[in-house]
Amino acid sequence: MSRTLRVAVQMDPIETINIDADSTFALMLEAQARGHALWHYLPRDLALTSGRVLAAARPVTVERIKGAHWRFGPEEELDLSAMDVVLMRQDPPFDMAYITATHILEHIHPRTLVVNDPAAVRNAPEKLYVTHFPDLMPETLVTADRRQIMRFRERHETIILKPLFGNGGAGVFLVKPDDMNLNALLEMFTERSREPLVVQKYVPAVRQGDKRIILVDGEALGAINRVPAEREARSNMHVGGRPEKTTLTEREREICARIGPELKKRGLIFVGIDVIGGYLTEINVTSPTGLQEIARFDGVHLERAIWDAIEARVVLRA
């Protein structure tokens, strides 16, 4: 693409990111390498007034130098309708603040391309959107009804219990048949939130890893396997999961072929799905990760494919 794009990045504080792991940082480096101009702002800097979407933003340049990986220009009031692209990349939790940001950004999309499509993000929370593909999933229950949860446990014995809108492995519990803590866990969740819980049949294959597969515009382009630490049920890397090189199985390609067209149709350009033992467990559309790990193991820079897809859509909107 020959012309320079104006790109606003809505994310968490750039000062706090791990530049060796953060996928947003990889996307920013690639955008900058292509000559695109970058601005940075936080979700709380958004404002909607008289149909205009504004953000207190700062121009930013990035560099892979630890402790000096960003440089800001002076803050300005940015009219996001004047941007070519907004990257919506703040981390969950997927709470009302997150949902409100999607509503605000709908006022500029698709004239300004928001990645991922804000309405699609709002309508595809990771642990609920996946339930539209029940034959690809392990047996799953979504409910706040304690009786249903107890019956589910009786049938499956070992279960996984997790908050519906949690992230990063927070609040995920493995409950074994002889575990006497289930009632206490349900009480704890009930006190903290009125939301239903997700209860899943435990898939023992998680000991061999939880595979993160990256789909770009509906096409599976790379994967990393995340192996849980010893005596840990979660495979998330920030709780000790170990990344490993991997390839896709025939079953995993079948899963991607099934969901890929739906993702593309919804404007979900950058998606990370989680697969354990041939079962689809989550479809991550908010701020998927894994780009830098895949690059280290496979030498494939998927941020390039993501920007190719973004640029192609911008051209179509011109």
Protein backbone atom coordinates (compact mmCIF):
# COMPACT_ATOMS: atom_id res chain seq x y z
CA MET A 1 0.00 0.00 0.00
CA SER A 2 1.56 3.31 -1.04
CA ARG A 3 -0.29 5.88 1.10
CA THR A 4 0.34 6.56 4.76
CA LEU A 5 -2.49 5.56 7.09
CA ARG A 6 -3.45 7.44 10.23
CA VAL A 7 -3.74 4.77 12.94
CA ALA A 8 -5.05 5.32 16.48
CA VAL A 9 -4.29 2.55 18.97
CA GLN A 10 -6.71 2.14 21.88
CA MET A 11 -4.84 0.05 24.42
CA ASP A 12 -3.63 -0.24 27.99
CA PRO A 13 -0.73 1.98 29.09
CA ILE A 14 2.11 1.38 26.65
CA GLU A 15 4.61 1.98 29.45
CA THR A 16 3.62 -1.27 31.17
CA ILE A 17 3.74 -3.75 28.28
CA ASN A 18 6.26 -6.56 27.85
CA ILE A 19 7.82 -5.76 24.48
CA ASP A 20 8.97 -9.38 24.05
CA ALA A 21 5.43 -10.76 24.28
CA ASP A 22 2.89 -8.04 23.53
CA SER A 23 1.03 -8.52 20.24
CA THR A 24 -0.12 -4.89 20.08
CA PHE A 25 3.52 -3.80 20.18
CA ALA A 26 4.28 -6.12 17.25
CA LEU A 27 1.36 -4.62 15.31
CA MET A 28 2.60 -1.10 16.05
CA LEU A 29 6.15 -1.90 14.95
CA GLU A 30 4.83 -3.33 11.68
CA ALA A 31 2.56 -0.33 11.05
CA GLN A 32 5.46 2.03 11.66
CA ALA A 33 7.71 0.02 9.34
CA ARG A 34 5.10 0.50 6.61
CA GLY A 35 5.20 4.25 7.11
CA HIS A 36 1.89 4.59 8.91
CA ALA A 37 1.45 7.32 11.55
CA LEU A 38 0.52 6.14 15.06
CA TRP A 39 -1.37 7.70 17.98
CA HIS A 40 -1.88 6.13 21.40
CA TYR A 41 -4.75 6.62 23.84
CA LEU A 42 -6.41 4.79 26.72
CA PRO A 43 -10.07 3.66 26.70
CA ARG A 44 -10.89 6.21 29.40
CA ASP A 45 -9.68 8.97 27.02
CA LEU A 46 -12.61 8.35 24.66
CA ALA A 47 -15.40 10.95 24.45
CA LEU A 48 -18.66 10.98 22.50
CA THR A 49 -20.22 14.40 21.94
CA SER A 50 -22.81 15.51 19.35
CA GLY A 51 -22.11 12.40 17.30
CA ARG A 52 -18.34 13.00 17.25
CA VAL A 53 -15.89 10.52 18.75
CA LEU A 54 -12.89 12.23 20.30
CA ALA A 55 -9.84 10.94 22.15
CA ALA A 56 -7.11 12.67 24.13
CA ALA A 57 -4.28 11.02 22.23
CA ARG A 58 -0.57 11.42 21.66
CA PRO A 59 1.44 10.66 18.55
CA VAL A 60 3.80 7.81 19.31
CA THR A 61 6.83 6.11 17.84
CA VAL A 62 7.95 2.68 19.01
CA GLU A 63 11.28 0.91 19.12
CA ARG A 64 12.37 -2.49 20.46
CA ILE A 65 14.45 -1.11 23.31
CA LYS A 66 13.50 -2.26 26.81
CA GLY A 67 12.56 0.63 29.04
CA ALA A 68 12.62 3.06 26.11
CA HIS A 69 10.23 1.35 23.72
CA TRP A 70 7.94 4.34 23.14
CA ARG A 71 8.23 8.07 22.55
CA PHE A 72 5.23 10.38 22.79
CA GLY A 73 4.55 13.66 21.09
CA PRO A 74 2.35 16.34 22.67
CA GLU A 75 -1.21 15.37 23.56
CA GLU A 76 -3.93 16.47 21.15
CA GLU A 77 -7.69 16.10 20.85
CA LEU A 78 -8.09 13.57 18.08
CA ASP A 79 -11.26 13.27 16.03
CA LEU A 80 -11.31 9.52 15.41
CA SER A 81 -13.46 9.95 12.30
CA ALA A 82 -10.35 11.52 10.72
CA MET A 83 -8.37 8.33 11.31
CA ASP A 84 -8.06 5.58 8.71
CA VAL A 85 -7.82 2.81 11.33
CA VAL A 86 -8.51 2.38 15.04
CA LEU A 87 -6.99 -0.70 16.67
CA MET A 88 -9.16 -1.66 19.65
CA ARG A 89 -6.58 -3.55 21.68
CA GLN A 90 -7.22 -3.01 25.39
CA ASP A 91 -7.22 -6.16 27.48
CA PRO A 92 -10.39 -7.48 29.12
CA PRO A 93 -12.16 -7.82 31.56
CA PHE A 94 -15.12 -7.69 29.22
CA ASP A 95 -17.16 -5.46 31.49
CA MET A 96 -19.56 -2.55 30.95
CA ALA A 97 -16.64 -0.17 30.34
CA TYR A 98 -15.45 -2.45 27.54
CA ILE A 99 -18.95 -2.76 26.11
CA THR A 100 -19.44 1.02 26.26
CA ALA A 101 -16.24 1.53 24.27
CA THR A 102 -17.64 -0.71 21.51
CA HIS A 103 -20.83 1.39 21.40
CA ILE A 104 -18.82 4.60 21.12
CA LEU A 105 -16.57 3.26 18.36
CA GLU A 106 -19.61 2.14 16.36
CA HIS A 107 -20.21 5.83 15.65
CA ILE A 108 -17.11 5.91 13.39
CA HIS A 109 -17.03 2.37 12.00
CA PRO A 110 -16.87 1.44 9.13
CA ARG A 111 -15.93 4.88 7.73
CA THR A 112 -12.95 4.59 10.02
CA LEU A 113 -12.00 0.92 10.09
CA VAL A 114 -12.11 -0.36 13.67
CA VAL A 115 -10.22 -3.62 14.19
CA ASN A 116 -11.88 -5.77 15.31
CA ASP A 117 -15.38 -4.60 14.31
CA PRO A 118 -16.75 -3.15 17.58
CA ALA A 119 -20.28 -4.57 17.22
CA ALA A 120 -18.86 -8.01 16.44
CA VAL A 121 -16.56 -7.81 19.47
CA ARG A 122 -19.51 -6.88 21.69
CA ASN A 123 -21.60 -9.74 20.29
CA ALA A 124 -18.86 -12.37 20.49
CA PRO A 125 -17.60 -12.61 24.09
CA GLU A 126 -14.99 -15.37 24.08
CA LYS A 127 -16.77 -17.90 26.26
CA LEU A 128 -20.23 -17.32 24.75
CA TYR A 129 -19.56 -16.97 21.03
CA VAL A 130 -17.88 -20.37 21.04
CA THR A 131 -21.17 -21.98 22.17
CA HIS A 132 -22.55 -21.44 18.66
CA PHE A 133 -20.33 -24.38 17.66
CA PRO A 134 -21.38 -26.97 20.29
CA ASP A 135 -20.21 -29.97 18.28
CA LEU A 136 -16.65 -28.57 18.31
CA MET A 137 -16.57 -28.01 22.08
CA PRO A 138 -16.14 -30.14 25.18
CA GLU A 139 -19.45 -30.50 27.02
CA THR A 140 -20.19 -27.10 28.51
CA LEU A 141 -22.76 -25.55 30.83
CA VAL A 142 -23.40 -21.81 31.20
CA THR A 143 -25.60 -21.07 34.20
CA ALA A 144 -25.98 -19.45 37.61
CA ASP A 145 -28.21 -22.35 38.75
CA ARG A 146 -26.40 -24.34 41.44
CA ARG A 147 -28.63 -27.39 40.81
CA GLN A 148 -27.59 -27.54 37.16
CA ILE A 149 -23.94 -27.26 38.15
CA MET A 150 -24.25 -30.09 40.68
CA ARG A 151 -25.93 -32.36 38.12
CA PHE A 152 -23.24 -31.52 35.56
CA ARG A 153 -20.57 -32.46 38.07
CA GLU A 154 -22.29 -35.75 38.88
CA ARG A 155 -22.23 -36.65 35.17
CA HIS A 156 -18.66 -35.59 34.42
CA GLU A 157 -16.98 -35.86 37.85
CA THR A 158 -13.91 -33.72 37.07
CA ILE A 159 -14.90 -30.27 35.85
CA ILE A 160 -13.47 -26.83 35.10
CA LEU A 161 -15.23 -23.85 36.68
CA LYS A 162 -14.54 -20.33 35.37
CA PRO A 163 -16.09 -16.86 35.30
CA LEU A 164 -18.02 -16.06 32.13
CA PHE A 165 -16.19 -12.81 31.45
CA GLY A 166 -12.82 -13.56 33.04
CA ASN A 167 -9.50 -13.46 31.22
CA GLY A 168 -5.94 -14.62 31.50
CA GLY A 169 -6.84 -17.71 33.52
CA ALA A 170 -8.05 -15.64 36.49
CA GLY A 171 -10.68 -17.42 38.57
CA VAL A 172 -10.33 -20.76 36.74
CA PHE A 173 -10.66 -23.80 39.01
CA LEU A 174 -10.19 -27.52 38.46
CA VAL A 175 -12.71 -29.37 40.63
CA LYS A 176 -12.06 -33.10 41.09
CA PRO A 177 -14.65 -35.69 42.24
CA ASP A 178 -13.33 -35.74 45.80
CA ASP A 179 -12.97 -31.96 46.05
CA MET A 180 -15.17 -30.57 48.84
CA ASN A 181 -14.73 -26.92 47.82
CA LEU A 182 -17.35 -26.64 45.08
CA ASN A 183 -20.05 -25.15 47.31
CA ALA A 184 -17.58 -22.63 48.71
CA LEU A 185 -16.46 -21.69 45.21
CA LEU A 186 -20.05 -21.17 44.08
CA GLU A 187 -20.70 -19.00 47.12
CA MET A 188 -17.60 -16.95 46.33
CA PHE A 189 -18.61 -16.43 42.69
CA THR A 190 -22.19 -15.55 43.69
CA GLU A 191 -20.97 -12.92 46.17
CA ARG A 192 -18.70 -11.35 43.56
CA SER A 193 -21.07 -11.27 40.59
CA ARG A 194 -24.59 -11.97 39.32
CA GLU A 195 -23.19 -13.37 36.08
CA PRO A 196 -23.53 -17.04 35.13
CA LEU A 197 -20.53 -19.33 35.33
CA VAL A 198 -18.96 -21.52 32.68
CA VAL A 199 -18.64 -25.17 33.67
CA GLN A 200 -16.81 -27.54 31.34
CA LYS A 201 -15.97 -31.20 31.28
CA TYR A 202 -12.28 -31.49 32.08
CA VAL A 203 -10.18 -32.48 29.06
CA PRO A 204 -7.09 -34.35 30.37
CA ALA A 205 -5.25 -33.59 27.11
CA VAL A 206 -4.61 -30.12 28.52
CA ARG A 207 -1.51 -31.65 30.14
CA GLN A 208 -0.10 -31.90 26.60
CA GLY A 209 -1.01 -28.28 25.97
CA ASP A 210 -3.64 -25.70 25.13
CA LYS A 211 -3.08 -24.66 21.53
CA ARG A 212 -3.52 -21.00 20.55
CA ILE A 213 -4.28 -20.74 16.83
CA ILE A 214 -4.22 -17.35 15.11
CA LEU A 215 -6.74 -16.70 12.34
CA VAL A 216 -6.32 -13.65 10.11
CA ASP A 217 -9.44 -12.64 8.20
CA GLY A 218 -10.81 -16.13 8.80
CA GLU A 219 -7.71 -18.08 7.74
CA ALA A 220 -5.54 -20.09 10.16
CA LEU A 221 -1.97 -18.85 9.74
CA GLY A 222 -0.05 -19.91 12.83
CA ALA A 223 -0.17 -21.58 16.23
CA ILE A 224 1.66 -21.97 19.51
CA ASN A 225 1.20 -24.70 22.11
CA ARG A 226 1.01 -23.64 25.74
CA VAL A 227 1.86 -26.36 28.25
CA PRO A 228 0.72 -25.93 31.88
CA ALA A 229 3.33 -25.84 34.61
CA GLU A 230 3.59 -28.78 37.00
CA ARG A 231 0.66 -28.85 39.45
CA GLU A 232 -1.14 -26.12 37.50
CA ALA A 233 -4.44 -26.58 35.60
CA ARG A 234 -4.07 -23.38 33.56
CA SER A 235 -1.84 -23.02 30.53
CA ASN A 236 -1.76 -19.20 30.33
CA MET A 237 1.83 -18.09 29.94
CA HIS A 238 1.68 -15.40 32.64
CA VAL A 239 0.84 -18.11 35.22
CA GLY A 240 3.76 -20.31 34.18
CA GLY A 241 2.56 -21.94 30.95
CA ARG A 242 5.43 -22.93 28.67
CA PRO A 243 5.20 -22.04 24.95
CA GLU A 244 6.20 -24.75 22.48
CA LYS A 245 6.49 -24.98 18.72
CA THR A 246 3.57 -26.81 17.14
CA THR A 247 1.71 -27.61 13.93
CA LEU A 248 -2.00 -27.99 13.23
CA THR A 249 -3.68 -31.38 13.27
CA GLU A 250 -6.35 -32.40 10.78
CA ARG A 251 -9.01 -31.88 13.48
CA GLU A 252 -7.72 -28.37 14.22
CA ARG A 253 -7.80 -27.48 10.53
CA GLU A 254 -11.39 -28.73 10.42
CA ILE A 255 -12.28 -26.45 13.35
CA CYS A 256 -10.68 -23.44 11.64
CA ALA A 257 -12.43 -24.20 8.35
CA ARG A 258 -15.76 -24.29 10.18
CA ILE A 259 -15.42 -21.02 12.05
CA GLY A 260 -13.21 -19.04 9.67
CA PRO A 261 -15.93 -17.85 7.24
CA GLU A 262 -18.06 -16.64 10.17
CA LEU A 263 -15.16 -14.66 11.62
CA LYS A 264 -14.43 -13.01 8.28
CA LYS A 265 -18.09 -12.16 7.71
CA ARG A 266 -18.26 -10.45 11.10
CA GLY A 267 -15.19 -8.26 10.48
CA LEU A 268 -13.10 -10.14 13.04
CA ILE A 269 -9.72 -9.74 11.34
CA PHE A 270 -7.42 -10.85 14.18
CA VAL A 271 -8.71 -13.78 16.25
CA GLY A 272 -7.03 -16.29 18.54
CA ILE A 273 -8.81 -19.56 19.27
CA ASP A 274 -7.94 -22.07 21.98
CA VAL A 275 -8.04 -25.81 21.27
CA ILE A 276 -7.44 -28.57 23.83
CA GLY A 277 -7.32 -32.19 22.75
CA GLY A 278 -9.22 -31.46 19.55
CA TYR A 279 -11.92 -29.42 21.34
CA LEU A 280 -12.54 -25.71 20.74
CA THR A 281 -12.72 -23.97 24.13
CA GLU A 282 -12.58 -20.23 23.40
CA ILE A 283 -12.71 -17.75 20.51
CA ASN A 284 -10.71 -14.67 21.55
CA VAL A 285 -11.68 -11.50 19.67
CA THR A 286 -10.90 -8.69 22.15
CA SER A 287 -7.09 -8.46 22.23
CA PRO A 288 -5.69 -11.81 21.06
CA THR A 289 -2.05 -12.62 21.80
CA GLY A 290 0.57 -15.01 20.46
CA LEU A 291 2.16 -13.12 17.56
CA GLN A 292 5.63 -12.81 19.05
CA GLU A 293 5.75 -16.39 20.32
CA ILE A 294 4.84 -17.72 16.86
CA ALA A 295 7.49 -15.48 15.29
CA ARG A 296 10.16 -16.84 17.64
CA PHE A 297 9.33 -20.50 16.98
CA ASP A 298 8.35 -20.40 13.31
CA GLY A 299 9.93 -17.23 11.96
CA VAL A 300 6.49 -16.18 10.69
CA HIS A 301 5.44 -12.58 11.37
CA LEU A 302 1.66 -12.71 11.37
CA GLU A 303 1.44 -8.98 12.07
CA ARG A 304 2.33 -8.57 8.39
CA ALA A 305 -0.66 -10.64 7.31
CA ILE A 306 -2.88 -8.67 9.70
CA TRP A 307 -1.75 -5.37 8.21
CA ASP A 308 -2.19 -6.75 4.68
CA ALA A 309 -5.81 -7.55 5.60
CA ILE A 310 -6.35 -4.15 7.21
CA GLU A 311 -4.89 -2.27 4.27
CA ALA A 312 -7.00 -4.26 1.81
CA ARG A 313 -10.15 -3.28 3.71
CA VAL A 314 -9.13 0.36 3.86
CA VAL A 315 -8.69 0.37 0.08
CA LEU A 316 -12.18 -1.09 -0.35
CA ARG A 317 -13.62 1.72 1.79
CA ALA A 318 -11.79 4.51 -0.09
